[in-house]
Structure formats: structure tokens, C-alpha cells
Amino acid sequence: MVRPSGDVGDVARPISLAPLTVVELGPDEMIDCAARAGFDAVGLRLIRATDEEPLRPTIGMTPLIREVRRRLDDTGLALIDIEVLRLTPQTRVRHDYESFVETGAYLGASQILATGNDPDHARLADHLAELADLADDYGLTPNLEPMPWTDVVNLQQAAAVVTRCAHPNVGLLVDALHYDRALNTPADLTALPAEWINYVQICDGVAERPTTVEALRYQGRNARLFPGATGNIDLVAMLRALPPGVPVSVEAPVLWQGPALDRSRAALRGAREVLELADAGCRHSA
């Protein structure tokens, strides 16, 4: 059955392929890869995160964006999220990002990944509220992701910004690697309002935690492990502390440079194994 873009239909817990897992692929190629691997959904990177990534015509009604929409429709994959918006001291929310949000709405996205790149958290909260208003006009929700190389480094800081923002159309995105490297715990997750959690990113990580921001950045962008690998992160406990059934995005760039399809299939296998354990525990607890 072909679902409209952004609609996961009756999938109990949709699993999405995050763009960083196969960052070498363009968004049209990524959709085909995700569909062949067996994912329910994808996330798409409309704004590149680094200057090393290819610059693609992914904002506005470009031929590429129209092709992306066609492939989403043809494959039946949902589009969970679009990325990545940086909120900086210089950000002019509507001027800088309305075309991005409008493009995401055309593609059928429901969530936006945003990062806090502003040390003034009061100003950051104001910008996040402006983004929430803009996104609401198009039926999307921004989600603030704490990362150790941004100005919002952990769950506590992200929760404080979202609280200060005080907008009903804002979420908080938990990334398993950043959660673990910040020494956050399942108790920290259960303290978050359930309505803040719109989706979650999972991967595994080596037991030894990096000690510098540069090493954290490198690991986060290049050297994660697939979910379920022999790593340090207790994904089962993390997922059980979050609302049941929340969509899962597999963000797992690994050092193994095998074909993108092989890597995607391995990532999905690991995610399914972890989710089976996590969801069985949730059902048992219920």
C-alpha cells in the first residue's frame, strides 16, 4: 500500500533511516536505498551540516525536490523529519528558514531537527518559539537536539530552553550517542514531558567515551556503531524510558565503508533487535 508522504499508517513503531547513516547519497537516492532496505520512513537533509557535504538544490520547488516527492509517493515511505536548522545569534527565523519549512511541508514532513548554536539561551528560546510559530503555519514541529559541540550540550540544558520557550509546538530530540556521552540517564528521560518526544535517534557507541569536543564531533559524524552492536549504550533502557511507540530514526554513520544498501540493512537489523527487546519489556510492564 502506498501511503501519502509523512503518513506512517498503521505501523506500530516506524523505523526511519537518518541521512547521516548514508550521507554520501542524495535525497532521491536515499529514498530508494531506504525502501530497498525495508525501512518505514526516512529523514532528509535539506541543509548540509558541513562544508564537506555536497551542496544540492534542496530548497524550493527544484527539479530535485519534485523528484524526491515523486519517489516518496512511489515507495510509500513516510518522511519523518528534515534537517538541519541551526539557531544562532544572527538567525532571522522567518527570513532564513521559511523556504526550508515550506519545502518540508511540500514533501510531507512532520518534524524539523534544530540545534542550539547560541550561548544566550534566553535568545535561543525566543528564536525557537519563532520557529515553532513558523513551523506551525505549515504543519511541522521543531525539535531541539542537544549535542556536545553546540551551545546546548545535554538534556538538562535542552529541557531548560524548551521550558523557557513555552510553546506547545516544540519537541526535544534525544540522540542515543549524545545522551550517553553527556552521561544522561533513563531517569533524566522519564522526567521529560511525554509530549516533547516526537521521535528518537538511535545508534550504539564504543565503550570508551571521547574526552575532547573534536573527538566527540568526529565520533558523532563518522564512527558510531549500528544499534545492537557490542557497544556502551544501553538502548533498551533508554527506549523504555521514553513514551512507547515513539518513531525511531537510525542515525549510525560507521567506519565500515561498504555499500550504502548493505549498511542500511545492517542498521535496520540492529534497530529491530533492540526495539523487540525494548517493546517486549514495555508490554510486560503494562
C-alpha atoms as a PDB file:
ATOM      1  CA  MET A   1       0.000   0.000   0.000  1.00  0.00           C
ATOM      2  CA  VAL A   2       1.327   3.420  -0.920  1.00  0.00           C
ATOM      3  CA  ARG A   3       0.982   5.903   1.930  1.00  0.00           C
ATOM      4  CA  PRO A   4       0.930   9.658   1.488  1.00  0.00           C
ATOM      5  CA  SER A   5       4.289  11.203   2.366  1.00  0.00           C
ATOM      6  CA  GLY A   6       4.608  11.772   6.101  1.00  0.00           C
ATOM      7  CA  ASP A   7       1.989   9.146   6.949  1.00  0.00           C
ATOM      8  CA  VAL A   8       3.225   6.016   8.674  1.00  0.00           C
ATOM      9  CA  GLY A   9      -0.219   4.480   8.508  1.00  0.00           C
ATOM     10  CA  ASP A  10      -0.747   1.590  10.882  1.00  0.00           C
ATOM     11  CA  VAL A  11       2.961   0.958  11.586  1.00  0.00           C
ATOM     12  CA  ALA A  12       3.140   0.482  15.359  1.00  0.00           C
ATOM     13  CA  ARG A  13       6.640   1.948  15.726  1.00  0.00           C
ATOM     14  CA  PRO A  14       8.019   3.242  12.429  1.00  0.00           C
ATOM     15  CA  ILE A  15      11.757   2.968  11.833  1.00  0.00           C
ATOM     16  CA  SER A  16      13.352   5.711   9.762  1.00  0.00           C
ATOM     17  CA  LEU A  17      16.718   5.907   8.009  1.00  0.00           C
ATOM     18  CA  ALA A  18      18.549   9.083   9.041  1.00  0.00           C
ATOM     19  CA  PRO A  19      20.572  10.906   6.368  1.00  0.00           C
ATOM     20  CA  LEU A  20      23.856  10.786   8.278  1.00  0.00           C
ATOM     21  CA  THR A  21      23.845   6.978   8.046  1.00  0.00           C
ATOM     22  CA  VAL A  22      24.224   7.215   4.262  1.00  0.00           C
ATOM     23  CA  VAL A  23      25.413  10.800   3.947  1.00  0.00           C
ATOM     24  CA  GLU A  24      27.030  10.197   0.574  1.00  0.00           C
ATOM     25  CA  LEU A  25      23.612   9.708  -1.031  1.00  0.00           C
ATOM     26  CA  GLY A  26      21.425  12.467  -2.393  1.00  0.00           C
ATOM     27  CA  PRO A  27      17.871  12.608  -1.010  1.00  0.00           C
ATOM     28  CA  ASP A  28      16.390  10.876  -4.059  1.00  0.00           C
ATOM     29  CA  GLU A  29      18.958   8.066  -3.869  1.00  0.00           C
ATOM     30  CA  MET A  30      18.453   7.782  -0.122  1.00  0.00           C
ATOM     31  CA  ILE A  31      14.720   7.167  -0.506  1.00  0.00           C
ATOM     32  CA  ASP A  32      15.378   4.290  -2.887  1.00  0.00           C
ATOM     33  CA  CYS A  33      18.009   2.877  -0.531  1.00  0.00           C
ATOM     34  CA  ALA A  34      15.690   3.067   2.484  1.00  0.00           C
ATOM     35  CA  ALA A  35      12.846   1.410   0.589  1.00  0.00           C
ATOM     36  CA  ARG A  36      15.047  -1.444  -0.643  1.00  0.00           C
ATOM     37  CA  ALA A  37      16.471  -1.960   2.851  1.00  0.00           C
ATOM     38  CA  GLY A  38      12.976  -2.227   4.369  1.00  0.00           C
ATOM     39  CA  PHE A  39      12.607   0.983   6.367  1.00  0.00           C
ATOM     40  CA  ASP A  40       9.191   2.515   7.026  1.00  0.00           C
ATOM     41  CA  ALA A  41      10.399   6.095   6.713  1.00  0.00           C
ATOM     42  CA  VAL A  42      13.304   8.445   6.043  1.00  0.00           C
ATOM     43  CA  GLY A  43      14.692  11.720   7.260  1.00  0.00           C
ATOM     44  CA  LEU A  44      16.137  14.123   4.709  1.00  0.00           C
ATOM     45  CA  ARG A  45      18.975  16.645   4.990  1.00  0.00           C
ATOM     46  CA  LEU A  46      17.831  19.754   3.124  1.00  0.00           C
ATOM     47  CA  ILE A  47      20.595  21.957   4.565  1.00  0.00           C
ATOM     48  CA  ARG A  48      24.052  20.423   4.728  1.00  0.00           C
ATOM     49  CA  ALA A  49      25.721  20.196   8.120  1.00  0.00           C
ATOM     50  CA  THR A  50      29.310  20.740   6.962  1.00  0.00           C
ATOM     51  CA  ASP A  51      31.078  22.356   4.021  1.00  0.00           C
ATOM     52  CA  GLU A  52      32.441  18.921   3.075  1.00  0.00           C
ATOM     53  CA  GLU A  53      28.965  17.662   2.170  1.00  0.00           C
ATOM     54  CA  PRO A  54      27.735  18.202  -1.402  1.00  0.00           C
ATOM     55  CA  LEU A  55      25.679  21.329  -1.969  1.00  0.00           C
ATOM     56  CA  ARG A  56      22.429  20.173  -3.546  1.00  0.00           C
ATOM     57  CA  PRO A  57      19.370  22.133  -4.791  1.00  0.00           C
ATOM     58  CA  THR A  58      17.110  21.007  -1.950  1.00  0.00           C
ATOM     59  CA  ILE A  59      15.283  24.211  -1.009  1.00  0.00           C
ATOM     60  CA  GLY A  60      12.233  25.304  -3.005  1.00  0.00           C
ATOM     61  CA  MET A  61      10.402  23.633  -5.869  1.00  0.00           C
ATOM     62  CA  THR A  62      13.554  22.500  -7.672  1.00  0.00           C
ATOM     63  CA  PRO A  63      13.559  19.533 -10.063  1.00  0.00           C
ATOM     64  CA  LEU A  64      15.349  17.501  -7.385  1.00  0.00           C
ATOM     65  CA  ILE A  65      12.712  18.274  -4.758  1.00  0.00           C
ATOM     66  CA  ARG A  66       9.911  17.342  -7.166  1.00  0.00           C
ATOM     67  CA  GLU A  67      11.732  14.068  -7.870  1.00  0.00           C
ATOM     68  CA  VAL A  68      12.097  13.452  -4.129  1.00  0.00           C
ATOM     69  CA  ARG A  69       8.350  13.919  -3.670  1.00  0.00           C
ATOM     70  CA  ARG A  70       7.672  11.515  -6.543  1.00  0.00           C
ATOM     71  CA  ARG A  71       9.908   8.854  -5.025  1.00  0.00           C
ATOM     72  CA  LEU A  72       8.337   9.255  -1.598  1.00  0.00           C
ATOM     73  CA  ASP A  73       4.932   8.722  -3.173  1.00  0.00           C
ATOM     74  CA  ASP A  74       6.112   5.787  -5.294  1.00  0.00           C
ATOM     75  CA  THR A  75       7.817   3.952  -2.432  1.00  0.00           C
ATOM     76  CA  GLY A  76       5.199   4.717   0.219  1.00  0.00           C
ATOM     77  CA  LEU A  77       7.901   5.818   2.660  1.00  0.00           C
ATOM     78  CA  ALA A  78       6.949   8.406   5.244  1.00  0.00           C
ATOM     79  CA  LEU A  79       9.139  11.459   5.752  1.00  0.00           C
ATOM     80  CA  ILE A  80       9.651  11.784   9.495  1.00  0.00           C
ATOM     81  CA  ASP A  81      11.971  14.782   9.677  1.00  0.00           C
ATOM     82  CA  ILE A  82      14.001  17.347   7.758  1.00  0.00           C
ATOM     83  CA  GLU A  83      17.314  18.815   8.887  1.00  0.00           C
ATOM     84  CA  VAL A  84      19.270  20.686   9.944  1.00  0.00           C
ATOM     85  CA  LEU A  85      18.381  24.151  11.246  1.00  0.00           C
ATOM     86  CA  ARG A  86      20.910  25.990  13.393  1.00  0.00           C
ATOM     87  CA  LEU A  87      19.579  28.689  15.681  1.00  0.00           C
ATOM     88  CA  THR A  88      22.381  31.232  16.071  1.00  0.00           C
ATOM     89  CA  PRO A  89      22.616  34.773  17.466  1.00  0.00           C
ATOM     90  CA  GLN A  90      22.218  36.082  13.898  1.00  0.00           C
ATOM     91  CA  THR A  91      19.216  33.923  12.956  1.00  0.00           C
ATOM     92  CA  ARG A  92      16.250  35.696  11.398  1.00  0.00           C
ATOM     93  CA  VAL A  93      13.830  32.832  11.661  1.00  0.00           C
ATOM     94  CA  ARG A  94      11.200  33.554   9.029  1.00  0.00           C
ATOM     95  CA  HIS A  95      13.618  35.233   6.615  1.00  0.00           C
ATOM     96  CA  ASP A  96      16.221  32.457   6.883  1.00  0.00           C
ATOM     97  CA  TYR A  97      14.065  29.368   7.170  1.00  0.00           C
ATOM     98  CA  GLU A  98      10.592  29.802   5.701  1.00  0.00           C
ATOM     99  CA  SER A  99      11.628  28.311   2.343  1.00  0.00           C
ATOM    100  CA  PHE A 100      13.112  25.323   4.176  1.00  0.00           C
ATOM    101  CA  VAL A 101       9.916  24.770   6.156  1.00  0.00           C
ATOM    102  CA  GLU A 102       7.742  25.241   3.081  1.00  0.00           C
ATOM    103  CA  THR A 103       9.819  22.663   1.210  1.00  0.00           C
ATOM    104  CA  GLY A 104       9.441  20.195   4.063  1.00  0.00           C
ATOM    105  CA  ALA A 105       5.693  20.697   4.074  1.00  0.00           C
ATOM    106  CA  TYR A 106       5.546  20.035   0.325  1.00  0.00           C
ATOM    107  CA  LEU A 107       7.444  16.788   0.870  1.00  0.00           C
ATOM    108  CA  GLY A 108       5.128  15.712   3.694  1.00  0.00           C
ATOM    109  CA  ALA A 109       7.497  16.002   6.660  1.00  0.00           C
ATOM    110  CA  SER A 110       6.158  16.304  10.189  1.00  0.00           C
ATOM    111  CA  GLN A 111       9.291  17.104  12.224  1.00  0.00           C
ATOM    112  CA  ILE A 112      12.228  19.520  11.996  1.00  0.00           C
ATOM    113  CA  LEU A 113      15.629  18.911  13.601  1.00  0.00           C
ATOM    114  CA  ALA A 114      17.070  22.084  15.130  1.00  0.00           C
ATOM    115  CA  THR A 115      20.271  22.738  17.054  1.00  0.00           C
ATOM    116  CA  GLY A 116      21.078  25.447  19.571  1.00  0.00           C
ATOM    117  CA  ASN A 117      24.136  27.364  18.421  1.00  0.00           C
ATOM    118  CA  ASP A 118      23.691  30.358  20.684  1.00  0.00           C
ATOM    119  CA  PRO A 119      25.244  30.715  24.162  1.00  0.00           C
ATOM    120  CA  ASP A 120      22.463  33.130  25.138  1.00  0.00           C
ATOM    121  CA  HIS A 121      19.758  30.622  25.998  1.00  0.00           C
ATOM    122  CA  ALA A 122      17.109  33.290  26.522  1.00  0.00           C
ATOM    123  CA  ARG A 123      17.595  34.497  22.955  1.00  0.00           C
ATOM    124  CA  LEU A 124      17.759  30.887  21.775  1.00  0.00           C
ATOM    125  CA  ALA A 125      14.400  30.167  23.414  1.00  0.00           C
ATOM    126  CA  ASP A 126      12.899  33.205  21.687  1.00  0.00           C
ATOM    127  CA  HIS A 127      14.194  32.023  18.313  1.00  0.00           C
ATOM    128  CA  LEU A 128      12.883  28.522  18.999  1.00  0.00           C
ATOM    129  CA  ALA A 129       9.443  29.970  19.756  1.00  0.00           C
ATOM    130  CA  GLU A 130       9.556  31.943  16.490  1.00  0.00           C
ATOM    131  CA  LEU A 131      10.480  28.759  14.642  1.00  0.00           C
ATOM    132  CA  ALA A 132       7.624  26.929  16.355  1.00  0.00           C
ATOM    133  CA  ASP A 133       5.184  29.581  15.127  1.00  0.00           C
ATOM    134  CA  LEU A 134       6.552  29.401  11.585  1.00  0.00           C
ATOM    135  CA  ALA A 135       6.543  25.601  11.534  1.00  0.00           C
ATOM    136  CA  ASP A 136       3.002  25.505  12.889  1.00  0.00           C
ATOM    137  CA  ASP A 137       1.861  27.517   9.869  1.00  0.00           C
ATOM    138  CA  TYR A 138       2.983  24.576   7.722  1.00  0.00           C
ATOM    139  CA  GLY A 139       2.011  21.683   9.993  1.00  0.00           C
ATOM    140  CA  LEU A 140       5.518  20.851  11.240  1.00  0.00           C
ATOM    141  CA  THR A 141       7.155  20.773  14.680  1.00  0.00           C
ATOM    142  CA  PRO A 142      10.756  21.800  15.501  1.00  0.00           C
ATOM    143  CA  ASN A 143      12.724  19.555  17.833  1.00  0.00           C
ATOM    144  CA  LEU A 144      15.770  20.844  19.709  1.00  0.00           C
ATOM    145  CA  GLU A 145      18.625  18.338  19.759  1.00  0.00           C
ATOM    146  CA  PRO A 146      21.340  18.702  22.419  1.00  0.00           C
ATOM    147  CA  MET A 147      24.850  17.956  21.100  1.00  0.00           C
ATOM    148  CA  PRO A 148      28.219  18.264  22.865  1.00  0.00           C
ATOM    149  CA  TRP A 149      29.651  20.570  20.172  1.00  0.00           C
ATOM    150  CA  THR A 150      26.760  23.042  20.266  1.00  0.00           C
ATOM    151  CA  ASP A 151      25.712  25.530  22.925  1.00  0.00           C
ATOM    152  CA  VAL A 152      23.074  23.071  24.198  1.00  0.00           C
ATOM    153  CA  VAL A 153      25.189  20.171  25.350  1.00  0.00           C
ATOM    154  CA  ASN A 154      22.837  17.855  27.264  1.00  0.00           C
ATOM    155  CA  LEU A 155      19.232  17.011  28.094  1.00  0.00           C
ATOM    156  CA  GLN A 156      19.126  19.344  31.073  1.00  0.00           C
ATOM    157  CA  GLN A 157      20.107  22.380  29.014  1.00  0.00           C
ATOM    158  CA  ALA A 158      17.732  21.425  26.202  1.00  0.00           C
ATOM    159  CA  ALA A 159      14.865  20.934  28.637  1.00  0.00           C
ATOM    160  CA  ALA A 160      15.536  24.351  30.154  1.00  0.00           C
ATOM    161  CA  VAL A 161      15.432  26.013  26.726  1.00  0.00           C
ATOM    162  CA  VAL A 162      12.240  24.204  25.700  1.00  0.00           C
ATOM    163  CA  THR A 163      10.640  25.111  29.026  1.00  0.00           C
ATOM    164  CA  ARG A 164      11.627  28.760  28.610  1.00  0.00           C
ATOM    165  CA  CYS A 165      10.329  28.704  25.047  1.00  0.00           C
ATOM    166  CA  ALA A 166       6.892  27.806  26.455  1.00  0.00           C
ATOM    167  CA  HIS A 167       5.419  26.932  23.071  1.00  0.00           C
ATOM    168  CA  PRO A 168       3.082  23.957  22.510  1.00  0.00           C
ATOM    169  CA  ASN A 169       4.621  23.189  19.098  1.00  0.00           C
ATOM    170  CA  VAL A 170       8.154  22.292  20.241  1.00  0.00           C
ATOM    171  CA  GLY A 171       9.832  18.958  20.877  1.00  0.00           C
ATOM    172  CA  LEU A 172      13.129  17.694  22.298  1.00  0.00           C
ATOM    173  CA  LEU A 173      15.083  15.191  20.217  1.00  0.00           C
ATOM    174  CA  VAL A 174      17.073  12.537  22.079  1.00  0.00           C
ATOM    175  CA  ASP A 175      20.079  11.154  20.187  1.00  0.00           C
ATOM    176  CA  ALA A 176      21.432   7.979  21.796  1.00  0.00           C
ATOM    177  CA  LEU A 177      25.094   8.863  21.308  1.00  0.00           C
ATOM    178  CA  HIS A 178      24.817  12.388  22.685  1.00  0.00           C
ATOM    179  CA  TYR A 179      22.603  11.138  25.532  1.00  0.00           C
ATOM    180  CA  ASP A 180      25.262   8.607  26.532  1.00  0.00           C
ATOM    181  CA  ARG A 181      28.279  10.875  26.086  1.00  0.00           C
ATOM    182  CA  ALA A 182      26.608  13.541  28.240  1.00  0.00           C
ATOM    183  CA  LEU A 183      26.172  10.920  30.985  1.00  0.00           C
ATOM    184  CA  ASN A 184      22.411  11.313  30.917  1.00  0.00           C
ATOM    185  CA  THR A 185      20.303   8.509  32.363  1.00  0.00           C
ATOM    186  CA  PRO A 186      16.896   6.866  31.878  1.00  0.00           C
ATOM    187  CA  ALA A 187      15.721   8.828  34.920  1.00  0.00           C
ATOM    188  CA  ASP A 188      16.552  12.043  33.064  1.00  0.00           C
ATOM    189  CA  LEU A 189      14.337  10.850  30.201  1.00  0.00           C
ATOM    190  CA  THR A 190      11.365   9.889  32.342  1.00  0.00           C
ATOM    191  CA  ALA A 191      11.426  13.400  33.818  1.00  0.00           C
ATOM    192  CA  LEU A 192      10.698  14.906  30.390  1.00  0.00           C
ATOM    193  CA  PRO A 193       7.087  15.651  29.411  1.00  0.00           C
ATOM    194  CA  ALA A 194       5.914  12.901  27.068  1.00  0.00           C
ATOM    195  CA  GLU A 195       4.521  15.441  24.600  1.00  0.00           C
ATOM    196  CA  TRP A 196       8.039  16.729  23.938  1.00  0.00           C
ATOM    197  CA  ILE A 197       9.180  13.422  22.429  1.00  0.00           C
ATOM    198  CA  ASN A 198       8.141  13.195  18.789  1.00  0.00           C
ATOM    199  CA  TYR A 199      10.856  10.791  17.643  1.00  0.00           C
ATOM    200  CA  VAL A 200      14.230   9.480  18.819  1.00  0.00           C
ATOM    201  CA  GLN A 201      17.578   8.790  17.145  1.00  0.00           C
ATOM    202  CA  ILE A 202      19.402   5.563  17.959  1.00  0.00           C
ATOM    203  CA  CYS A 203      22.822   4.022  17.367  1.00  0.00           C
ATOM    204  CA  ASP A 204      25.423   2.327  19.538  1.00  0.00           C
ATOM    205  CA  GLY A 205      28.846   3.585  20.543  1.00  0.00           C
ATOM    206  CA  VAL A 206      32.196   2.215  21.672  1.00  0.00           C
ATOM    207  CA  ALA A 207      32.676   1.857  25.416  1.00  0.00           C
ATOM    208  CA  GLU A 208      35.436   4.473  25.678  1.00  0.00           C
ATOM    209  CA  ARG A 209      33.924   7.943  25.676  1.00  0.00           C
ATOM    210  CA  PRO A 210      35.890  10.675  23.871  1.00  0.00           C
ATOM    211  CA  THR A 211      37.403  13.340  26.104  1.00  0.00           C
ATOM    212  CA  THR A 212      37.556  16.283  23.678  1.00  0.00           C
ATOM    213  CA  VAL A 213      34.900  18.107  21.694  1.00  0.00           C
ATOM    214  CA  GLU A 214      36.832  17.390  18.494  1.00  0.00           C
ATOM    215  CA  ALA A 215      36.807  13.665  19.204  1.00  0.00           C
ATOM    216  CA  LEU A 216      33.128  13.762  20.130  1.00  0.00           C
ATOM    217  CA  ARG A 217      32.340  15.541  16.867  1.00  0.00           C
ATOM    218  CA  TYR A 218      34.354  13.042  14.823  1.00  0.00           C
ATOM    219  CA  GLN A 219      32.701  10.080  16.509  1.00  0.00           C
ATOM    220  CA  GLY A 220      29.241  11.558  16.139  1.00  0.00           C
ATOM    221  CA  ARG A 221      29.649  12.205  12.417  1.00  0.00           C
ATOM    222  CA  ASN A 222      31.829   9.255  11.395  1.00  0.00           C
ATOM    223  CA  ALA A 223      32.396   6.496  13.940  1.00  0.00           C
ATOM    224  CA  ARG A 224      29.218   5.280  15.587  1.00  0.00           C
ATOM    225  CA  LEU A 225      28.097   1.664  15.780  1.00  0.00           C
ATOM    226  CA  PHE A 226      24.925   0.100  14.469  1.00  0.00           C
ATOM    227  CA  PRO A 227      22.171  -0.406  17.082  1.00  0.00           C
ATOM    228  CA  GLY A 228      22.573  -3.698  18.876  1.00  0.00           C
ATOM    229  CA  ALA A 229      26.332  -3.814  18.324  1.00  0.00           C
ATOM    230  CA  THR A 230      28.690  -4.575  21.190  1.00  0.00           C
ATOM    231  CA  GLY A 231      28.896  -1.035  22.435  1.00  0.00           C
ATOM    232  CA  ASN A 232      28.454   1.033  25.550  1.00  0.00           C
ATOM    233  CA  ILE A 233      24.927   2.402  25.166  1.00  0.00           C
ATOM    234  CA  ASP A 234      22.011   0.710  26.904  1.00  0.00           C
ATOM    235  CA  LEU A 235      19.487   1.402  24.163  1.00  0.00           C
ATOM    236  CA  VAL A 236      16.859  -0.862  25.683  1.00  0.00           C
ATOM    237  CA  ALA A 237      16.800   1.080  28.953  1.00  0.00           C
ATOM    238  CA  MET A 238      16.832   4.361  27.055  1.00  0.00           C
ATOM    239  CA  LEU A 239      13.884   3.393  24.854  1.00  0.00           C
ATOM    240  CA  ARG A 240      11.878   2.027  27.775  1.00  0.00           C
ATOM    241  CA  ALA A 241      12.240   5.418  29.494  1.00  0.00           C
ATOM    242  CA  LEU A 242      10.648   7.174  26.513  1.00  0.00           C
ATOM    243  CA  PRO A 243       6.976   7.147  25.506  1.00  0.00           C
ATOM    244  CA  PRO A 244       6.047   3.760  23.971  1.00  0.00           C
ATOM    245  CA  GLY A 245       5.748   3.590  20.230  1.00  0.00           C
ATOM    246  CA  VAL A 246       7.718   6.761  19.514  1.00  0.00           C
ATOM    247  CA  PRO A 247       9.177   6.657  15.958  1.00  0.00           C
ATOM    248  CA  VAL A 248      12.828   5.670  15.764  1.00  0.00           C
ATOM    249  CA  SER A 249      15.385   7.211  13.405  1.00  0.00           C
ATOM    250  CA  VAL A 250      18.558   5.161  12.923  1.00  0.00           C
ATOM    251  CA  GLU A 251      21.486   7.602  12.801  1.00  0.00           C
ATOM    252  CA  ALA A 252      24.524   5.371  12.569  1.00  0.00           C
ATOM    253  CA  PRO A 253      27.421   6.576  10.409  1.00  0.00           C
ATOM    254  CA  VAL A 254      30.070   3.866  10.758  1.00  0.00           C
ATOM    255  CA  LEU A 255      33.686   3.490   9.709  1.00  0.00           C
ATOM    256  CA  TRP A 256      32.822   0.478   7.533  1.00  0.00           C
ATOM    257  CA  GLN A 257      32.570   1.888   4.014  1.00  0.00           C
ATOM    258  CA  GLY A 258      30.544  -0.906   2.483  1.00  0.00           C
ATOM    259  CA  PRO A 259      27.758  -0.143   0.016  1.00  0.00           C
ATOM    260  CA  ALA A 260      25.048   2.173   1.373  1.00  0.00           C
ATOM    261  CA  LEU A 261      22.389  -0.508   0.936  1.00  0.00           C
ATOM    262  CA  ASP A 262      24.375  -3.068   2.931  1.00  0.00           C
ATOM    263  CA  ARG A 263      24.988  -0.549   5.710  1.00  0.00           C
ATOM    264  CA  SER A 264      21.309   0.419   5.763  1.00  0.00           C
ATOM    265  CA  ARG A 265      20.196  -3.193   6.024  1.00  0.00           C
ATOM    266  CA  ALA A 266      22.641  -3.821   8.876  1.00  0.00           C
ATOM    267  CA  ALA A 267      21.403  -0.702  10.673  1.00  0.00           C
ATOM    268  CA  LEU A 268      17.789  -1.807  10.306  1.00  0.00           C
ATOM    269  CA  ARG A 269      18.506  -5.335  11.559  1.00  0.00           C
ATOM    270  CA  GLY A 270      20.150  -3.951  14.668  1.00  0.00           C
ATOM    271  CA  ALA A 271      17.333  -1.473  15.275  1.00  0.00           C
ATOM    272  CA  ARG A 272      14.703  -4.184  15.024  1.00  0.00           C
ATOM    273  CA  GLU A 273      16.562  -6.392  17.506  1.00  0.00           C
ATOM    274  CA  VAL A 274      16.811  -3.547  20.025  1.00  0.00           C
ATOM    275  CA  LEU A 275      13.192  -2.488  19.562  1.00  0.00           C
ATOM    276  CA  GLU A 276      11.952  -6.044  20.004  1.00  0.00           C
ATOM    277  CA  LEU A 277      13.655  -6.185  23.399  1.00  0.00           C
ATOM    278  CA  ALA A 278      12.553  -2.691  24.427  1.00  0.00           C
ATOM    279  CA  ASP A 279       8.939  -3.108  23.346  1.00  0.00           C
ATOM    280  CA  ALA A 280       8.636  -6.569  24.884  1.00  0.00           C
ATOM    281  CA  GLY A 281       9.692  -5.067  28.200  1.00  0.00           C
ATOM    282  CA  CYS A 282       7.171  -2.256  27.832  1.00  0.00           C
ATOM    283  CA  ARG A 283       4.372  -4.722  27.096  1.00  0.00           C
ATOM    284  CA  HIS A 284       5.426  -6.851  30.031  1.00  0.00           C
ATOM    285  CA  SER A 285       5.446  -3.834  32.324  1.00  0.00           C
ATOM    286  CA  ALA A 286       1.987  -2.838  31.101  1.00  0.00           C
END
